[in-house]
Amino acid sequence: MSFKRISTLLFLMACLPALAYSQGASKVATTAGQFLKMEPGSRAMGMGGAFVAQANDASSIWWNPAGMVRLDRTEAMFMHANWLAGIKYEFVSAVAPFGDNAVGVSVTSLNYGQMEVTTVQQPDGTGEMFTPTSLALTVGYSRRLSDDFSFGINAKYVNDQIKNSGASAFAIDVGTLYKVGILSIGAAISNFGTKMQMTGADLNRVIQVGNDPNVVSTLKTVQYDLPLRLCVGLAFQVLQDGMNNLVLASDVVHSNDNSEYVNVGGEYNWNNIVSLRAGYQELGIPDREAGLTLGGGVQVYVSNALTMKVDYSYGAFGRLLNIQRFTFALDF
């Protein structure tokens, strides 16, 4: 059996758990590691998150690992986002193509800011402070199986830390990308892995057992699934000439903890220098807050061996105001 057929079979097998989750009612807020759903990349989010079939920059390790091999040169990317409620969201990635293969790494980090410890006895705070954090480390590989078809897979480590307790998990992402003429078809499944369960010193309690009032025990917490995400998308090269390039894209997203929804967007590029983007997120989710996205970027050719990219996106978020992303990348 050819490697192309094997990789397609593996991807379909990985999709089976997501299809199983599609049965039954929506299970909003029933998974751990919610930060894994936070989309990186100003370019992708300027297009409303319709990027699984368009993925061809260093953020493709998150959107669709099959897109990593579509890069022409090595790219390093850094993104900062002013998230909701003062949360600081950072995403750093690097993708290096070589021949018909590519490898990539990424780090996703969230800092939730300082919070005060509260207890049942002291609900207004104890005066002690702590800073929750979330972290995901990803290593990916992509291979071009033909001029039209590519396949990619990631392995990732996930960790949530709250004071002296934390939860960890391991997961994989699988993606495929097929491009023929003006049409690209992409599919990716993300965060298929182990469950997360909080453990640590903060769960220790001193209880009385019989006549002994100082028995150390540990609370046992519930295990939660990771936010499994299945995405299928199309991208159309509507216009392409020497100076102008226009792409329209649409993604359908299914997850195990929310309703299905659709992202739509487009990107116009002039002379490979200036880009303008617009899109709309989460069509189909009742009472959604996400909506219109806008963005743009510039490319500066420093030399034949170095290109600098700066991108920005704005996403309206209803009563929660907005999310702004700033991305800086180097191609070399």
Protein backbone atom coordinates (compact mmCIF):
# COMPACT_ATOMS: atom_id res chain seq x y z
CA MET A 1 0.00 0.00 0.00
CA SER A 2 1.39 3.43 -0.95
CA PHE A 3 2.37 5.94 1.73
CA LYS A 4 -0.36 8.26 0.43
CA ARG A 5 -3.04 5.63 1.04
CA ILE A 6 -1.63 4.76 4.46
CA SER A 7 -1.60 8.40 5.59
CA THR A 8 -5.17 8.90 4.34
CA LEU A 9 -6.29 5.80 6.22
CA LEU A 10 -4.60 7.00 9.41
CA PHE A 11 -6.33 10.36 9.11
CA LEU A 12 -9.75 8.74 8.63
CA MET A 13 -9.10 6.52 11.67
CA ALA A 14 -8.22 9.60 13.71
CA CYS A 15 -11.49 11.22 12.63
CA LEU A 16 -13.61 8.41 14.04
CA PRO A 17 -13.58 9.74 17.65
CA ALA A 18 -14.69 13.16 16.40
CA LEU A 19 -17.54 11.61 14.43
CA ALA A 20 -18.61 9.73 17.52
CA TYR A 21 -18.72 12.97 19.48
CA SER A 22 -21.02 14.47 16.82
CA GLN A 23 -23.90 12.39 18.16
CA GLY A 24 -26.09 13.89 20.88
CA ALA A 25 -26.47 17.33 22.42
CA SER A 26 -23.79 19.98 22.57
CA LYS A 27 -21.54 19.66 25.62
CA VAL A 28 -20.49 23.27 26.18
CA ALA A 29 -17.77 23.77 28.82
CA THR A 30 -17.19 20.06 29.46
CA THR A 31 -13.54 19.77 28.37
CA ALA A 32 -10.23 20.82 29.87
CA GLY A 33 -7.40 22.70 28.16
CA GLN A 34 -9.72 25.32 26.69
CA PHE A 35 -6.73 27.44 25.67
CA LEU A 36 -5.99 24.86 22.96
CA LYS A 37 -8.98 26.30 21.05
CA MET A 38 -7.49 29.82 20.96
CA GLU A 39 -6.48 30.44 17.35
CA PRO A 40 -3.01 31.86 16.60
CA GLY A 41 -1.89 34.03 13.71
CA SER A 42 -3.05 37.50 12.72
CA ARG A 43 -3.27 36.47 9.08
CA ALA A 44 -5.53 33.48 9.76
CA MET A 45 -7.76 35.40 12.15
CA GLY A 46 -8.01 38.39 9.83
CA MET A 47 -9.70 35.88 7.51
CA GLY A 48 -12.16 34.89 10.22
CA GLY A 49 -10.34 31.69 11.04
CA ALA A 50 -11.08 30.15 7.62
CA PHE A 51 -7.56 28.84 7.20
CA VAL A 52 -7.39 25.03 7.26
CA ALA A 53 -7.23 24.86 3.43
CA GLN A 54 -5.06 27.98 3.10
CA ALA A 55 -2.46 27.13 5.76
CA ASN A 56 0.96 27.99 4.34
CA ASP A 57 2.82 29.96 7.02
CA ALA A 58 4.39 29.08 10.37
CA SER A 59 0.99 29.06 12.10
CA SER A 60 0.01 26.05 9.95
CA ILE A 61 1.43 23.79 12.67
CA TRP A 62 -1.73 24.78 14.64
CA TRP A 63 -4.26 25.08 11.80
CA ASN A 64 -3.26 22.14 9.60
CA PRO A 65 0.15 20.44 9.94
CA ALA A 66 -0.09 19.28 6.32
CA GLY A 67 0.45 22.92 5.31
CA MET A 68 3.95 23.12 6.77
CA VAL A 69 5.49 21.57 3.66
CA ARG A 70 3.82 24.28 1.54
CA LEU A 71 6.23 26.92 2.85
CA ASP A 72 8.93 27.97 0.40
CA ARG A 73 11.47 28.89 3.09
CA THR A 74 12.05 28.53 6.79
CA GLU A 75 9.78 30.85 8.77
CA ALA A 76 9.87 31.90 12.41
CA MET A 77 6.77 33.56 13.86
CA PHE A 78 5.89 35.34 17.09
CA MET A 79 2.33 36.38 17.97
CA HIS A 80 1.03 38.34 20.93
CA ALA A 81 -2.67 38.79 21.65
CA ASN A 82 -4.49 40.97 24.13
CA TRP A 83 -7.08 38.37 25.08
CA LEU A 84 -10.25 38.81 27.07
CA ALA A 85 -10.12 39.81 30.75
CA GLY A 86 -6.50 40.94 30.53
CA ILE A 87 -5.14 37.49 29.63
CA LYS A 88 -1.80 37.53 27.79
CA TYR A 89 -1.60 35.04 24.92
CA GLU A 90 1.72 34.26 23.20
CA PHE A 91 2.37 31.91 20.29
CA VAL A 92 5.85 31.18 18.91
CA SER A 93 6.49 28.79 16.03
CA ALA A 94 9.12 27.87 13.47
CA VAL A 95 8.72 25.71 10.37
CA ALA A 96 11.58 24.47 8.18
CA PRO A 97 10.83 22.80 4.81
CA PHE A 98 13.43 20.59 3.12
CA GLY A 99 12.60 18.89 -0.15
CA ASP A 100 9.29 17.09 0.16
CA ASN A 101 9.37 17.25 3.95
CA ALA A 102 9.02 19.86 6.67
CA VAL A 103 9.39 19.97 10.43
CA GLY A 104 7.97 22.49 12.87
CA VAL A 105 7.85 23.41 16.53
CA SER A 106 5.58 25.74 18.46
CA VAL A 107 4.99 27.01 21.97
CA THR A 108 1.62 28.34 23.15
CA SER A 109 1.62 30.18 26.46
CA LEU A 110 -1.07 31.92 28.49
CA ASN A 111 -0.61 34.10 31.54
CA TYR A 112 -3.86 34.85 33.38
CA GLY A 113 -2.40 37.51 35.66
CA GLN A 114 -2.23 37.56 39.44
CA MET A 115 -5.20 36.32 41.47
CA GLU A 116 -5.81 36.28 45.21
CA VAL A 117 -6.31 33.01 47.07
CA THR A 118 -9.81 32.67 48.53
CA THR A 119 -11.15 29.98 50.85
CA VAL A 120 -14.50 29.04 52.38
CA GLN A 121 -13.34 30.65 55.61
CA GLN A 122 -11.88 33.73 53.85
CA PRO A 123 -14.04 34.34 50.73
CA ASP A 124 -12.70 37.89 50.38
CA GLY A 125 -9.12 36.66 50.07
CA THR A 126 -6.25 35.49 52.23
CA GLY A 127 -3.72 38.02 50.97
CA GLU A 128 -1.74 35.29 49.20
CA MET A 129 -1.38 35.68 45.44
CA PHE A 130 -0.90 33.16 42.61
CA THR A 131 -0.64 33.25 38.80
CA PRO A 132 -2.35 30.50 36.74
CA THR A 133 -0.63 29.52 33.48
CA SER A 134 -1.27 27.28 30.49
CA LEU A 135 1.34 25.81 28.16
CA ALA A 136 1.38 23.66 25.03
CA LEU A 137 4.58 22.40 23.34
CA THR A 138 4.16 20.99 19.82
CA VAL A 139 6.49 19.17 17.42
CA GLY A 140 5.25 18.51 13.89
CA TYR A 141 6.19 16.75 10.67
CA SER A 142 4.74 17.21 7.18
CA ARG A 143 5.37 15.38 3.90
CA ARG A 144 4.43 16.17 0.32
CA LEU A 145 3.16 12.91 -1.14
CA SER A 146 2.56 14.38 -4.60
CA ASP A 147 2.44 17.80 -6.23
CA ASP A 148 -1.18 18.09 -5.10
CA PHE A 149 -1.38 16.21 -1.80
CA SER A 150 0.38 16.61 1.55
CA PHE A 151 0.01 15.06 4.99
CA GLY A 152 1.07 16.23 8.46
CA ILE A 153 1.08 15.09 12.06
CA ASN A 154 1.87 16.78 15.39
CA ALA A 155 2.68 15.53 18.87
CA LYS A 156 2.02 17.90 21.76
CA TYR A 157 2.39 18.23 25.50
CA VAL A 158 -0.30 20.22 27.34
CA ASN A 159 -0.14 21.62 30.87
CA ASP A 160 -2.43 23.77 33.06
CA GLN A 161 -1.00 25.07 36.34
CA ILE A 162 -2.99 26.64 39.19
CA LYS A 163 -0.86 27.53 42.22
CA ASN A 164 0.55 24.23 43.56
CA SER A 165 -1.62 21.96 41.44
CA GLY A 166 -1.69 21.14 37.77
CA ALA A 167 -2.89 18.84 35.01
CA SER A 168 -1.04 17.49 31.98
CA ALA A 169 -1.91 15.58 28.82
CA PHE A 170 -0.42 14.38 25.56
CA ALA A 171 -2.17 14.72 22.21
CA ILE A 172 -1.74 14.45 18.45
CA ASP A 173 -3.00 16.49 15.50
CA VAL A 174 -3.42 15.06 11.99
CA GLY A 175 -4.02 17.00 8.79
CA THR A 176 -4.28 16.61 5.03
CA LEU A 177 -4.19 19.20 2.25
CA TYR A 178 -5.14 18.69 -1.39
CA LYS A 179 -4.60 21.42 -3.95
CA VAL A 180 -5.66 21.28 -7.58
CA GLY A 181 -5.88 24.34 -9.79
CA ILE A 182 -7.60 27.22 -8.02
CA LEU A 183 -9.10 24.96 -5.34
CA SER A 184 -7.56 23.79 -2.06
CA ILE A 185 -9.24 21.29 0.26
CA GLY A 186 -7.98 20.89 3.80
CA ALA A 187 -8.95 18.78 6.78
CA ALA A 188 -7.47 18.55 10.26
CA ILE A 189 -8.28 16.93 13.57
CA SER A 190 -6.67 18.45 16.66
CA ASN A 191 -6.17 17.52 20.32
CA PHE A 192 -6.84 13.79 20.14
CA GLY A 193 -5.19 12.57 23.31
CA THR A 194 -5.25 11.67 26.97
CA LYS A 195 -7.52 13.15 29.62
CA MET A 196 -6.53 15.91 32.06
CA GLN A 197 -6.87 15.55 35.83
CA MET A 198 -5.78 18.07 38.46
CA THR A 199 -3.27 16.80 41.02
CA GLY A 200 -0.94 18.50 43.48
CA ALA A 201 -0.35 19.80 46.98
CA ASP A 202 -3.39 22.09 46.97
CA LEU A 203 -5.62 19.01 46.97
CA ASN A 204 -4.19 17.66 50.22
CA ARG A 205 -6.46 17.76 53.28
CA VAL A 206 -5.98 16.82 56.94
CA ILE A 207 -8.94 14.79 58.21
CA GLN A 208 -9.82 12.71 61.23
CA VAL A 209 -9.95 8.94 60.88
CA GLY A 210 -11.04 7.16 64.04
CA ASN A 211 -9.13 8.68 66.93
CA ASP A 212 -6.42 10.15 64.73
CA PRO A 213 -7.28 13.79 63.80
CA ASN A 214 -4.19 14.31 61.58
CA VAL A 215 -4.55 11.91 58.69
CA VAL A 216 -3.34 13.45 55.43
CA SER A 217 -5.68 12.69 52.51
CA THR A 218 -5.89 13.85 48.90
CA LEU A 219 -9.00 14.95 47.03
CA LYS A 220 -9.57 13.04 43.81
CA THR A 221 -10.62 15.26 40.92
CA VAL A 222 -12.59 14.33 37.81
CA GLN A 223 -10.83 13.56 34.53
CA TYR A 224 -11.77 15.68 31.52
CA ASP A 225 -11.28 15.20 27.78
CA LEU A 226 -9.28 17.64 25.68
CA PRO A 227 -11.26 19.88 23.28
CA LEU A 228 -11.29 17.67 20.19
CA ARG A 229 -11.63 19.73 17.01
CA LEU A 230 -12.42 18.51 13.49
CA CYS A 231 -12.19 21.07 10.70
CA VAL A 232 -12.79 20.76 6.96
CA GLY A 233 -12.25 23.74 4.66
CA LEU A 234 -12.14 25.03 1.10
CA ALA A 235 -10.08 27.87 -0.36
CA PHE A 236 -10.58 29.38 -3.85
CA GLN A 237 -7.93 31.36 -5.74
CA VAL A 238 -10.46 33.78 -7.24
CA LEU A 239 -7.91 36.19 -8.74
CA GLN A 240 -4.23 35.79 -9.52
CA ASP A 241 -2.17 37.93 -11.87
CA GLY A 242 1.15 39.70 -11.71
CA MET A 243 0.03 42.26 -9.12
CA ASN A 244 -3.22 41.07 -7.54
CA ASN A 245 -4.13 37.96 -5.61
CA LEU A 246 -7.52 37.21 -4.00
CA VAL A 247 -8.43 34.12 -1.99
CA LEU A 248 -11.85 33.29 -0.53
CA ALA A 249 -12.12 30.53 2.08
CA SER A 250 -14.61 28.75 4.30
CA ASP A 251 -14.18 26.25 7.17
CA VAL A 252 -16.70 23.99 8.87
CA VAL A 253 -15.69 23.18 12.46
CA HIS A 254 -17.02 20.47 14.75
CA SER A 255 -15.85 20.06 18.35
CA ASN A 256 -16.78 17.79 21.24
CA ASP A 257 -17.81 20.69 23.48
CA ASN A 258 -19.80 23.07 21.29
CA SER A 259 -22.14 23.35 18.32
CA GLU A 260 -20.87 23.08 14.76
CA TYR A 261 -20.08 26.39 13.13
CA VAL A 262 -18.73 27.95 9.96
CA ASN A 263 -15.91 30.47 9.49
CA VAL A 264 -15.68 32.50 6.26
CA GLY A 265 -13.10 34.98 5.06
CA GLY A 266 -10.91 36.35 2.35
CA GLU A 267 -7.47 37.81 1.71
CA TYR A 268 -6.40 40.32 -0.96
CA ASN A 269 -2.69 40.72 -1.62
CA TRP A 270 -1.11 43.39 -3.77
CA ASN A 271 2.27 42.66 -5.32
CA ASN A 272 3.23 40.35 -2.42
CA ILE A 273 3.71 43.46 -0.29
CA VAL A 274 0.40 44.61 1.19
CA SER A 275 -2.47 42.39 2.34
CA LEU A 276 -6.03 43.19 3.42
CA ARG A 277 -8.29 40.62 5.10
CA ALA A 278 -11.83 40.26 6.38
CA GLY A 279 -13.98 37.44 7.70
CA TYR A 280 -16.73 36.28 10.02
CA GLN A 281 -16.48 33.68 12.79
CA GLU A 282 -18.71 31.04 14.34
CA LEU A 283 -21.72 31.25 12.06
CA GLY A 284 -24.26 28.77 13.39
CA ILE A 285 -23.51 29.03 17.12
CA PRO A 286 -26.52 30.33 19.10
CA ASP A 287 -25.80 33.40 21.24
CA ARG A 288 -22.25 33.69 19.88
CA GLU A 289 -20.06 36.62 20.84
CA ALA A 290 -17.44 36.21 18.07
CA GLY A 291 -18.23 37.82 14.74
CA LEU A 292 -16.59 40.20 12.29
CA THR A 293 -12.80 40.10 11.85
CA LEU A 294 -10.56 42.54 9.99
CA GLY A 295 -6.84 42.57 9.39
CA GLY A 296 -3.91 43.50 7.26
CA GLY A 297 -0.19 43.09 6.86
CA VAL A 298 2.96 44.12 5.02
CA GLN A 299 5.98 42.23 3.74
CA VAL A 300 9.39 43.90 3.64
CA TYR A 301 12.08 42.28 1.50
CA VAL A 302 15.23 42.99 3.49
CA SER A 303 17.41 40.96 1.10
CA ASN A 304 17.19 37.98 -1.22
CA ALA A 305 17.63 35.77 1.83
CA LEU A 306 15.44 37.57 4.35
CA THR A 307 11.81 38.75 4.35
CA MET A 308 10.07 40.42 7.28
CA LYS A 309 6.30 40.18 7.79
CA VAL A 310 4.14 42.24 10.15
CA ASP A 311 0.43 41.41 10.51
CA TYR A 312 -2.47 42.64 12.63
CA SER A 313 -6.04 41.41 13.16
CA TYR A 314 -9.07 42.71 15.00
CA GLY A 315 -11.89 40.43 16.09
CA ALA A 316 -15.18 41.75 17.43
CA PHE A 317 -16.38 39.84 20.50
CA GLY A 318 -19.76 41.31 21.33
CA ARG A 319 -20.27 42.19 25.00
CA LEU A 320 -16.67 41.15 25.67
CA LEU A 321 -15.43 43.89 23.29
CA ASN A 322 -12.63 42.62 21.02
CA ILE A 323 -9.48 40.56 20.58
CA GLN A 324 -6.43 42.02 18.84
CA ARG A 325 -3.51 39.98 17.55
CA PHE A 326 -0.05 41.23 16.55
CA THR A 327 2.26 38.94 14.56
CA PHE A 328 5.88 39.31 13.49
CA ALA A 329 7.58 36.76 11.21
CA LEU A 330 10.88 36.26 9.43
CA ASP A 331 11.39 34.14 6.29
CA PHE A 332 14.96 33.08 5.58
